[in-house]
Each structure stands twice: as structure tokens, then as C-alpha cells.
All heavy atoms as atom14 arrays in JSON, in Angstrom:
{
  "sequence": "IEEEAKKANIYSNNVKYEPKLVILGEHSIISGLEEA",
  "atom14_mask": [
    [1, 1, 1, 1, 1, 1, 1, 1, 0, 0, 0, 0, 0, 0],
    [1, 1, 1, 1, 1, 1, 1, 1, 1, 0, 0, 0, 0, 0],
    [1, 1, 1, 1, 1, 1, 1, 1, 1, 0, 0, 0, 0, 0],
    [1, 1, 1, 1, 1, 1, 1, 1, 1, 0, 0, 0, 0, 0],
    [1, 1, 1, 1, 1, 0, 0, 0, 0, 0, 0, 0, 0, 0],
    [1, 1, 1, 1, 1, 1, 1, 1, 1, 0, 0, 0, 0, 0],
    [1, 1, 1, 1, 1, 1, 1, 1, 1, 0, 0, 0, 0, 0],
    [1, 1, 1, 1, 1, 0, 0, 0, 0, 0, 0, 0, 0, 0],
    [1, 1, 1, 1, 1, 1, 1, 1, 0, 0, 0, 0, 0, 0],
    [1, 1, 1, 1, 1, 1, 1, 1, 0, 0, 0, 0, 0, 0],
    [1, 1, 1, 1, 1, 1, 1, 1, 1, 1, 1, 1, 0, 0],
    [1, 1, 1, 1, 1, 1, 0, 0, 0, 0, 0, 0, 0, 0],
    [1, 1, 1, 1, 1, 1, 1, 1, 0, 0, 0, 0, 0, 0],
    [1, 1, 1, 1, 1, 1, 1, 1, 0, 0, 0, 0, 0, 0],
    [1, 1, 1, 1, 1, 1, 1, 0, 0, 0, 0, 0, 0, 0],
    [1, 1, 1, 1, 1, 1, 1, 1, 1, 0, 0, 0, 0, 0],
    [1, 1, 1, 1, 1, 1, 1, 1, 1, 1, 1, 1, 0, 0],
    [1, 1, 1, 1, 1, 1, 1, 1, 1, 0, 0, 0, 0, 0],
    [1, 1, 1, 1, 1, 1, 1, 0, 0, 0, 0, 0, 0, 0],
    [1, 1, 1, 1, 1, 1, 1, 1, 1, 0, 0, 0, 0, 0],
    [1, 1, 1, 1, 1, 1, 1, 1, 0, 0, 0, 0, 0, 0],
    [1, 1, 1, 1, 1, 1, 1, 0, 0, 0, 0, 0, 0, 0],
    [1, 1, 1, 1, 1, 1, 1, 1, 0, 0, 0, 0, 0, 0],
    [1, 1, 1, 1, 1, 1, 1, 1, 0, 0, 0, 0, 0, 0],
    [1, 1, 1, 1, 0, 0, 0, 0, 0, 0, 0, 0, 0, 0],
    [1, 1, 1, 1, 1, 1, 1, 1, 1, 0, 0, 0, 0, 0],
    [1, 1, 1, 1, 1, 1, 1, 1, 1, 1, 0, 0, 0, 0],
    [1, 1, 1, 1, 1, 1, 0, 0, 0, 0, 0, 0, 0, 0],
    [1, 1, 1, 1, 1, 1, 1, 1, 0, 0, 0, 0, 0, 0],
    [1, 1, 1, 1, 1, 1, 1, 1, 0, 0, 0, 0, 0, 0],
    [1, 1, 1, 1, 1, 1, 0, 0, 0, 0, 0, 0, 0, 0],
    [1, 1, 1, 1, 0, 0, 0, 0, 0, 0, 0, 0, 0, 0],
    [1, 1, 1, 1, 1, 1, 1, 1, 0, 0, 0, 0, 0, 0],
    [1, 1, 1, 1, 1, 1, 1, 1, 1, 0, 0, 0, 0, 0],
    [1, 1, 1, 1, 1, 1, 1, 1, 1, 0, 0, 0, 0, 0],
    [1, 1, 1, 1, 1, 0, 0, 0, 0, 0, 0, 0, 0, 0]
  ],
  "atom14_positions": [
    [[105.5, 96.99, 90.22], [106.75, 96.27, 89.83], [107.02, 96.39, 88.32], [106.2, 96.01, 87.56], [106.69, 94.81, 90.26], [106.44, 94.69, 91.79], [107.98, 94.12, 89.87], [106.04, 93.32, 92.21], [0.0, 0.0, 0.0], [0.0, 0.0, 0.0], [0.0, 0.0, 0.0], [0.0, 0.0, 0.0], [0.0, 0.0, 0.0], [0.0, 0.0, 0.0]],
    [[108.11, 97.07, 87.9], [108.37, 97.36, 86.5], [108.42, 96.07, 85.7], [107.82, 96.04, 84.59], [109.71, 98.1, 86.4], [110.07, 98.48, 85.0], [111.28, 99.33, 84.93], [111.6, 99.98, 85.93], [111.91, 99.41, 83.83], [0.0, 0.0, 0.0], [0.0, 0.0, 0.0], [0.0, 0.0, 0.0], [0.0, 0.0, 0.0], [0.0, 0.0, 0.0]],
    [[109.06, 95.02, 86.18], [109.19, 93.79, 85.37], [107.78, 93.19, 85.12], [107.49, 92.69, 84.03], [110.02, 92.77, 86.12], [110.3, 91.5, 85.36], [111.13, 90.47, 86.17], [111.68, 90.88, 87.24], [111.23, 89.38, 85.74], [0.0, 0.0, 0.0], [0.0, 0.0, 0.0], [0.0, 0.0, 0.0], [0.0, 0.0, 0.0], [0.0, 0.0, 0.0]],
    [[106.88, 93.2, 86.14], [105.58, 92.63, 86.02], [104.75, 93.53, 85.03], [104.01, 92.92, 84.2], [104.86, 92.6, 87.32], [105.46, 91.71, 88.32], [105.34, 90.22, 87.93], [104.47, 89.89, 87.08], [106.03, 89.32, 88.42], [0.0, 0.0, 0.0], [0.0, 0.0, 0.0], [0.0, 0.0, 0.0], [0.0, 0.0, 0.0], [0.0, 0.0, 0.0]],
    [[104.97, 94.8, 85.01], [104.23, 95.66, 84.1], [104.61, 95.37, 82.65], [103.79, 95.37, 81.73], [104.49, 97.15, 84.39], [0.0, 0.0, 0.0], [0.0, 0.0, 0.0], [0.0, 0.0, 0.0], [0.0, 0.0, 0.0], [0.0, 0.0, 0.0], [0.0, 0.0, 0.0], [0.0, 0.0, 0.0], [0.0, 0.0, 0.0], [0.0, 0.0, 0.0]],
    [[105.9, 95.14, 82.39], [106.42, 94.81, 81.06], [105.88, 93.49, 80.63], [105.47, 93.28, 79.45], [107.92, 94.88, 81.0], [108.5, 96.31, 81.18], [110.01, 96.28, 81.15], [110.54, 97.71, 81.23], [112.01, 97.78, 81.27], [0.0, 0.0, 0.0], [0.0, 0.0, 0.0], [0.0, 0.0, 0.0], [0.0, 0.0, 0.0], [0.0, 0.0, 0.0]],
    [[105.91, 92.48, 81.5], [105.39, 91.15, 81.15], [103.88, 91.15, 80.75], [103.43, 90.44, 79.92], [105.62, 90.18, 82.26], [107.03, 89.73, 82.46], [107.2, 88.47, 83.25], [106.71, 88.62, 84.69], [106.98, 87.54, 85.59], [0.0, 0.0, 0.0], [0.0, 0.0, 0.0], [0.0, 0.0, 0.0], [0.0, 0.0, 0.0], [0.0, 0.0, 0.0]],
    [[103.14, 92.08, 81.47], [101.66, 92.17, 81.18], [101.34, 93.16, 80.1], [100.2, 93.38, 79.81], [101.01, 92.59, 82.49], [0.0, 0.0, 0.0], [0.0, 0.0, 0.0], [0.0, 0.0, 0.0], [0.0, 0.0, 0.0], [0.0, 0.0, 0.0], [0.0, 0.0, 0.0], [0.0, 0.0, 0.0], [0.0, 0.0, 0.0], [0.0, 0.0, 0.0]],
    [[102.37, 93.8, 79.49], [102.16, 94.78, 78.43], [101.34, 95.96, 78.91], [100.53, 96.54, 78.14], [101.46, 94.12, 77.21], [102.36, 93.16, 76.53], [103.56, 93.32, 76.33], [101.78, 92.01, 76.11], [0.0, 0.0, 0.0], [0.0, 0.0, 0.0], [0.0, 0.0, 0.0], [0.0, 0.0, 0.0], [0.0, 0.0, 0.0], [0.0, 0.0, 0.0]],
    [[101.59, 96.37, 80.14], [100.88, 97.61, 80.63], [101.99, 98.64, 81.08], [101.58, 99.63, 81.73], [99.92, 97.34, 81.78], [100.68, 96.7, 82.97], [98.79, 96.4, 81.34], [99.87, 96.59, 84.23], [0.0, 0.0, 0.0], [0.0, 0.0, 0.0], [0.0, 0.0, 0.0], [0.0, 0.0, 0.0], [0.0, 0.0, 0.0], [0.0, 0.0, 0.0]],
    [[103.19, 98.34, 80.65], [104.25, 99.33, 81.13], [104.1, 100.71, 80.53], [103.69, 100.81, 79.38], [105.61, 98.76, 80.66], [106.75, 99.67, 80.96], [107.36, 99.75, 82.32], [107.28, 100.51, 79.97], [108.35, 100.67, 82.53], [108.32, 101.41, 80.27], [108.87, 101.43, 81.53], [109.91, 102.29, 81.8], [0.0, 0.0, 0.0], [0.0, 0.0, 0.0]],
    [[104.31, 101.71, 81.34], [104.25, 103.16, 80.85], [105.47, 103.88, 81.29], [105.88, 103.78, 82.46], [102.94, 103.78, 81.4], [102.99, 105.19, 81.17], [0.0, 0.0, 0.0], [0.0, 0.0, 0.0], [0.0, 0.0, 0.0], [0.0, 0.0, 0.0], [0.0, 0.0, 0.0], [0.0, 0.0, 0.0], [0.0, 0.0, 0.0], [0.0, 0.0, 0.0]],
    [[106.02, 104.65, 80.38], [107.18, 105.46, 80.72], [106.77, 106.63, 81.75], [107.7, 107.23, 82.4], [107.78, 106.15, 79.42], [108.53, 105.17, 78.62], [109.18, 104.28, 79.1], [108.3, 105.3, 77.3], [0.0, 0.0, 0.0], [0.0, 0.0, 0.0], [0.0, 0.0, 0.0], [0.0, 0.0, 0.0], [0.0, 0.0, 0.0], [0.0, 0.0, 0.0]],
    [[105.54, 106.92, 81.85], [105.07, 107.95, 82.72], [104.81, 107.49, 84.13], [104.52, 108.32, 85.0], [103.78, 108.53, 82.18], [103.92, 109.24, 80.82], [104.98, 109.82, 80.56], [102.94, 109.0, 79.95], [0.0, 0.0, 0.0], [0.0, 0.0, 0.0], [0.0, 0.0, 0.0], [0.0, 0.0, 0.0], [0.0, 0.0, 0.0], [0.0, 0.0, 0.0]],
    [[104.91, 106.23, 84.39], [104.79, 105.62, 85.75], [106.08, 105.35, 86.33], [106.99, 104.79, 85.73], [103.94, 104.38, 85.66], [103.78, 103.73, 87.02], [102.57, 104.68, 85.04], [0.0, 0.0, 0.0], [0.0, 0.0, 0.0], [0.0, 0.0, 0.0], [0.0, 0.0, 0.0], [0.0, 0.0, 0.0], [0.0, 0.0, 0.0], [0.0, 0.0, 0.0]],
    [[106.21, 105.72, 87.64], [107.41, 105.37, 88.42], [107.1, 104.11, 89.19], [106.23, 104.09, 90.15], [107.77, 106.54, 89.39], [109.17, 106.35, 90.04], [109.6, 107.58, 90.71], [111.14, 107.4, 91.21], [111.6, 108.66, 91.84], [0.0, 0.0, 0.0], [0.0, 0.0, 0.0], [0.0, 0.0, 0.0], [0.0, 0.0, 0.0], [0.0, 0.0, 0.0]],
    [[107.72, 102.99, 88.85], [107.45, 101.75, 89.48], [108.34, 101.56, 90.74], [109.6, 101.45, 90.67], [107.75, 100.58, 88.47], [106.78, 100.59, 87.36], [107.14, 101.22, 86.11], [105.59, 100.03, 87.44], [106.15, 101.35, 85.08], [104.58, 100.04, 86.42], [104.98, 100.75, 85.22], [104.06, 100.77, 84.23], [0.0, 0.0, 0.0], [0.0, 0.0, 0.0]],
    [[107.66, 101.59, 91.85], [108.34, 101.52, 93.15], [107.26, 101.23, 94.19], [106.08, 101.34, 93.93], [109.01, 102.86, 93.5], [108.03, 104.0, 93.59], [108.76, 105.32, 93.85], [109.98, 105.31, 93.88], [108.06, 106.34, 94.04], [0.0, 0.0, 0.0], [0.0, 0.0, 0.0], [0.0, 0.0, 0.0], [0.0, 0.0, 0.0], [0.0, 0.0, 0.0]],
    [[107.68, 100.73, 95.4], [106.68, 100.45, 96.48], [105.76, 101.62, 96.72], [106.22, 102.78, 96.74], [107.48, 100.05, 97.69], [108.73, 99.53, 97.03], [109.04, 100.32, 95.82], [0.0, 0.0, 0.0], [0.0, 0.0, 0.0], [0.0, 0.0, 0.0], [0.0, 0.0, 0.0], [0.0, 0.0, 0.0], [0.0, 0.0, 0.0], [0.0, 0.0, 0.0]],
    [[104.48, 101.34, 96.98], [103.52, 102.43, 97.15], [103.33, 102.62, 98.63], [103.17, 101.71, 99.48], [102.16, 102.0, 96.54], [101.02, 102.99, 96.78], [99.8, 102.45, 96.13], [98.66, 103.42, 96.35], [98.82, 104.76, 95.76], [0.0, 0.0, 0.0], [0.0, 0.0, 0.0], [0.0, 0.0, 0.0], [0.0, 0.0, 0.0], [0.0, 0.0, 0.0]],
    [[103.31, 103.92, 99.05], [103.01, 104.29, 100.4], [101.54, 104.22, 100.67], [100.67, 104.75, 99.95], [103.52, 105.73, 100.67], [103.05, 106.33, 102.08], [103.7, 105.56, 103.23], [103.38, 107.78, 102.09], [0.0, 0.0, 0.0], [0.0, 0.0, 0.0], [0.0, 0.0, 0.0], [0.0, 0.0, 0.0], [0.0, 0.0, 0.0], [0.0, 0.0, 0.0]],
    [[101.21, 103.43, 101.75], [99.78, 103.42, 102.27], [99.8, 103.93, 103.74], [100.51, 103.33, 104.56], [99.22, 102.01, 102.2], [97.79, 102.03, 102.79], [99.24, 101.5, 100.76], [0.0, 0.0, 0.0], [0.0, 0.0, 0.0], [0.0, 0.0, 0.0], [0.0, 0.0, 0.0], [0.0, 0.0, 0.0], [0.0, 0.0, 0.0], [0.0, 0.0, 0.0]],
    [[99.06, 105.01, 103.96], [98.86, 105.45, 105.37], [97.49, 104.84, 105.8], [96.47, 105.24, 105.26], [98.85, 107.02, 105.44], [100.17, 107.59, 104.89], [98.72, 107.44, 106.92], [100.13, 109.1, 104.81], [0.0, 0.0, 0.0], [0.0, 0.0, 0.0], [0.0, 0.0, 0.0], [0.0, 0.0, 0.0], [0.0, 0.0, 0.0], [0.0, 0.0, 0.0]],
    [[97.56, 103.92, 106.66], [96.39, 103.19, 107.02], [95.37, 104.13, 107.72], [95.77, 104.84, 108.64], [96.71, 102.01, 107.95], [97.53, 100.87, 107.23], [97.98, 99.76, 108.17], [96.67, 100.24, 106.17], [0.0, 0.0, 0.0], [0.0, 0.0, 0.0], [0.0, 0.0, 0.0], [0.0, 0.0, 0.0], [0.0, 0.0, 0.0], [0.0, 0.0, 0.0]],
    [[94.12, 104.02, 107.29], [93.12, 104.91, 107.75], [92.83, 106.13, 106.84], [91.92, 106.83, 106.99], [0.0, 0.0, 0.0], [0.0, 0.0, 0.0], [0.0, 0.0, 0.0], [0.0, 0.0, 0.0], [0.0, 0.0, 0.0], [0.0, 0.0, 0.0], [0.0, 0.0, 0.0], [0.0, 0.0, 0.0], [0.0, 0.0, 0.0], [0.0, 0.0, 0.0]],
    [[93.77, 106.28, 105.9], [93.64, 107.43, 104.99], [92.63, 107.11, 103.86], [92.07, 107.99, 103.27], [94.92, 107.81, 104.39], [95.02, 109.06, 103.55], [96.3, 109.4, 102.88], [97.03, 108.38, 102.61], [96.57, 110.53, 102.61], [0.0, 0.0, 0.0], [0.0, 0.0, 0.0], [0.0, 0.0, 0.0], [0.0, 0.0, 0.0], [0.0, 0.0, 0.0]],
    [[92.42, 105.82, 103.64], [91.55, 105.32, 102.64], [91.9, 105.84, 101.2], [91.05, 106.13, 100.38], [90.07, 105.71, 102.91], [89.62, 105.41, 104.31], [89.77, 104.2, 104.89], [89.11, 106.22, 105.3], [89.31, 104.17, 106.15], [88.97, 105.41, 106.4], [0.0, 0.0, 0.0], [0.0, 0.0, 0.0], [0.0, 0.0, 0.0], [0.0, 0.0, 0.0]],
    [[93.18, 105.76, 100.93], [93.72, 106.17, 99.58], [93.68, 105.0, 98.55], [93.98, 105.23, 97.47], [95.13, 106.75, 99.77], [95.98, 105.77, 100.27], [0.0, 0.0, 0.0], [0.0, 0.0, 0.0], [0.0, 0.0, 0.0], [0.0, 0.0, 0.0], [0.0, 0.0, 0.0], [0.0, 0.0, 0.0], [0.0, 0.0, 0.0], [0.0, 0.0, 0.0]],
    [[93.43, 103.77, 99.06], [93.32, 102.58, 98.23], [91.99, 101.95, 98.44], [91.22, 102.3, 99.31], [94.48, 101.58, 98.51], [94.41, 101.19, 99.98], [95.82, 102.19, 98.18], [95.45, 100.13, 100.37], [0.0, 0.0, 0.0], [0.0, 0.0, 0.0], [0.0, 0.0, 0.0], [0.0, 0.0, 0.0], [0.0, 0.0, 0.0], [0.0, 0.0, 0.0]],
    [[91.63, 100.93, 97.61], [90.37, 100.33, 97.78], [90.26, 99.68, 99.07], [91.23, 99.19, 99.65], [90.11, 99.3, 96.56], [91.18, 98.22, 96.57], [90.02, 100.02, 95.23], [90.94, 97.16, 95.53], [0.0, 0.0, 0.0], [0.0, 0.0, 0.0], [0.0, 0.0, 0.0], [0.0, 0.0, 0.0], [0.0, 0.0, 0.0], [0.0, 0.0, 0.0]],
    [[88.98, 99.65, 99.68], [88.79, 99.23, 101.05], [89.2, 97.82, 101.26], [89.78, 97.48, 102.33], [87.34, 99.46, 101.47], [86.48, 98.66, 100.68], [0.0, 0.0, 0.0], [0.0, 0.0, 0.0], [0.0, 0.0, 0.0], [0.0, 0.0, 0.0], [0.0, 0.0, 0.0], [0.0, 0.0, 0.0], [0.0, 0.0, 0.0], [0.0, 0.0, 0.0]],
    [[88.97, 96.9, 100.32], [89.29, 95.46, 100.54], [90.74, 95.27, 100.69], [91.25, 94.42, 101.53], [0.0, 0.0, 0.0], [0.0, 0.0, 0.0], [0.0, 0.0, 0.0], [0.0, 0.0, 0.0], [0.0, 0.0, 0.0], [0.0, 0.0, 0.0], [0.0, 0.0, 0.0], [0.0, 0.0, 0.0], [0.0, 0.0, 0.0], [0.0, 0.0, 0.0]],
    [[91.61, 96.03, 99.94], [93.05, 95.87, 100.05], [93.51, 96.58, 101.32], [94.39, 95.98, 102.03], [93.76, 96.62, 98.83], [95.29, 96.57, 98.81], [95.72, 95.15, 98.8], [95.8, 97.37, 97.61], [0.0, 0.0, 0.0], [0.0, 0.0, 0.0], [0.0, 0.0, 0.0], [0.0, 0.0, 0.0], [0.0, 0.0, 0.0], [0.0, 0.0, 0.0]],
    [[92.97, 97.69, 101.7], [93.38, 98.26, 102.98], [93.03, 97.33, 104.12], [93.9, 97.22, 105.11], [92.68, 99.62, 103.18], [93.17, 100.44, 104.36], [92.69, 101.84, 104.45], [91.48, 102.08, 104.06], [93.51, 102.75, 104.86], [0.0, 0.0, 0.0], [0.0, 0.0, 0.0], [0.0, 0.0, 0.0], [0.0, 0.0, 0.0], [0.0, 0.0, 0.0]],
    [[91.88, 96.78, 104.11], [91.49, 95.88, 105.21], [92.53, 94.69, 105.37], [92.81, 94.24, 106.4], [90.09, 95.31, 104.97], [89.0, 96.36, 105.23], [87.61, 95.83, 104.81], [87.48, 94.65, 104.51], [86.66, 96.69, 104.73], [0.0, 0.0, 0.0], [0.0, 0.0, 0.0], [0.0, 0.0, 0.0], [0.0, 0.0, 0.0], [0.0, 0.0, 0.0]],
    [[92.93, 94.21, 104.12], [93.85, 93.03, 104.19], [95.24, 93.47, 104.73], [95.82, 92.66, 105.49], [94.01, 92.54, 102.72], [0.0, 0.0, 0.0], [0.0, 0.0, 0.0], [0.0, 0.0, 0.0], [0.0, 0.0, 0.0], [0.0, 0.0, 0.0], [0.0, 0.0, 0.0], [0.0, 0.0, 0.0], [0.0, 0.0, 0.0], [0.0, 0.0, 0.0]]
  ]
}
């Protein structure tokens, strides 16, 4: 979320802030988040 990145001072012009695709079972994110 772009607004949250700016508030936290971690905003980067090189990042596209938008919802992230997760294909469940692909294990492209940390396991605890995927399990949730």
C-alpha cells in the first residue's frame, strides 16, 4: 500500500504498490503467511 509505505518512510519509486498475487501452493511467500 503506497500510503502506508510513505508513512513508514520506506517508499520507493522503483516499487509498484498494488495488491500482490499469491498462487496458493506455489510457496512464493513466507510459509506462515501462506498458511494464514
